[in-house]
Protein backbone atom coordinates (compact mmCIF):
# COMPACT_ATOMS: atom_id res chain seq x y z
CA UNK A 1 112.42 52.61 -100.51
CA UNK A 2 114.16 50.72 -97.74
CA UNK A 3 116.10 52.39 -94.95
CA UNK A 4 118.43 51.28 -92.18
CA UNK A 5 116.89 50.45 -88.81
CA UNK A 6 119.00 52.99 -86.92
CA UNK A 7 117.49 55.89 -85.02
CA UNK A 8 116.52 58.75 -87.33
CA UNK A 9 117.73 56.85 -90.42
CA UNK A 10 114.59 57.81 -92.34
CA UNK A 11 115.02 61.45 -91.31
CA UNK A 12 118.60 61.51 -92.60
CA UNK A 13 117.60 59.78 -95.83
CA UNK A 14 114.88 62.40 -96.36
CA UNK A 15 117.18 65.32 -95.57
CA UNK A 16 119.72 64.02 -98.07
CA UNK A 17 117.01 64.23 -100.75
CA UNK A 18 115.75 67.72 -99.86
CA UNK A 19 116.60 70.61 -102.17
CA UNK A 20 116.22 74.37 -101.65
CA UNK A 21 112.59 75.37 -102.09
CA UNK A 22 111.19 71.87 -101.46
CA UNK A 23 108.22 71.60 -99.11
CA UNK A 24 108.47 69.19 -96.18
CA UNK A 25 105.51 68.52 -93.89
CA UNK A 26 106.47 67.15 -90.47
CA UNK A 27 105.76 67.53 -86.80
CA UNK A 28 109.34 66.56 -85.91
CA UNK A 29 111.32 69.64 -84.83
CA UNK A 30 114.68 67.94 -85.40
CA UNK A 31 113.78 67.00 -88.95
CA UNK A 32 112.36 70.47 -89.52
CA UNK A 33 115.61 72.04 -88.37
CA UNK A 34 117.70 69.90 -90.73
CA UNK A 35 115.38 70.69 -93.65
CA UNK A 36 115.55 74.41 -92.91
CA UNK A 37 119.34 74.14 -93.05
CA UNK A 38 118.88 72.80 -96.58
CA UNK A 39 116.70 75.89 -97.34
CA UNK A 40 113.47 73.91 -97.67
CA UNK A 41 110.08 75.24 -96.60
CA UNK A 42 108.75 73.28 -93.63
CA UNK A 43 105.16 73.12 -92.41
CA UNK A 44 103.63 71.18 -89.54
CA UNK A 45 100.29 69.37 -89.46
CA UNK A 46 98.58 72.40 -87.89
CA UNK A 47 99.71 74.96 -90.46
CA UNK A 48 102.67 76.38 -88.54
CA UNK A 49 105.53 77.14 -90.89
CA UNK A 50 108.86 76.41 -89.26
CA UNK A 51 111.35 79.20 -89.94
CA UNK A 52 114.90 80.05 -88.89
CA UNK A 53 113.28 82.61 -86.57
CA UNK A 54 111.07 80.15 -84.63
CA UNK A 55 112.89 76.79 -84.78
CA UNK A 56 115.34 77.50 -81.94
CA UNK A 57 112.53 78.27 -79.50
CA UNK A 58 110.63 75.15 -80.56
CA UNK A 59 113.73 72.97 -80.13
CA UNK A 60 114.34 74.51 -76.69
CA UNK A 61 110.75 73.77 -75.62
CA UNK A 62 111.19 70.17 -76.79
CA UNK A 63 114.36 69.94 -74.71
CA UNK A 64 112.57 71.30 -71.61
CA UNK A 65 109.70 68.81 -72.08
CA UNK A 66 112.14 65.90 -72.38
CA UNK A 67 113.79 67.00 -69.14
CA UNK A 68 110.38 67.02 -67.44
CA UNK A 69 109.64 63.52 -68.73
CA UNK A 70 112.97 62.22 -67.40
CA UNK A 71 112.09 63.77 -64.04
CA UNK A 72 108.80 61.85 -64.00
CA UNK A 73 106.59 64.82 -64.82
CA UNK A 74 104.29 64.57 -67.80
CA UNK A 75 103.51 67.80 -69.66
CA UNK A 76 99.98 68.13 -70.98
CA UNK A 77 99.55 66.46 -74.36
CA UNK A 78 97.94 67.87 -77.44
CA UNK A 79 94.20 68.31 -77.46
CA UNK A 80 91.89 66.68 -80.02
CA UNK A 81 92.27 68.05 -83.54
CA UNK A 82 89.71 70.69 -84.50
CA UNK A 83 88.16 71.81 -87.79
CA UNK A 84 89.88 75.17 -87.29
CA UNK A 85 93.26 73.40 -87.34
CA UNK A 86 92.28 71.71 -90.59
CA UNK A 87 91.38 75.08 -92.10
CA UNK A 88 94.57 76.73 -90.84
CA UNK A 89 96.65 73.89 -92.29
CA UNK A 90 94.88 74.04 -95.65
CA UNK A 91 95.29 77.83 -95.85
CA UNK A 92 98.99 77.65 -94.97
CA UNK A 93 99.60 74.89 -97.50
CA UNK A 94 97.76 76.79 -100.24
CA UNK A 95 99.73 79.96 -99.43
CA UNK A 96 103.05 78.13 -99.73
CA UNK A 97 102.07 76.33 -102.92
CA UNK A 98 100.85 79.54 -104.54
CA UNK A 99 104.09 81.33 -103.70
CA UNK A 100 106.17 78.60 -105.35
């Protein structure tokens, strides 16, 4: 597939292909929010399932971090991935797939 070069063009192309009940795996909160609006299930790389109940808080935290970056402050980045995160992700993915 080929997509336009514009910002978020791949995200919009993906969202336009998402159907209710589809599973999308992403760490992008904006993409997650759009997929939730299409009634997809959305999981991040650490096993956190994005839901209508938690997406607003996550988007707000992203907004606050971007404000800090513009002000020259750098919030602490993510730590190195652990085996526990791998297990949590696998368990969450299996749970979602089994419920489908």
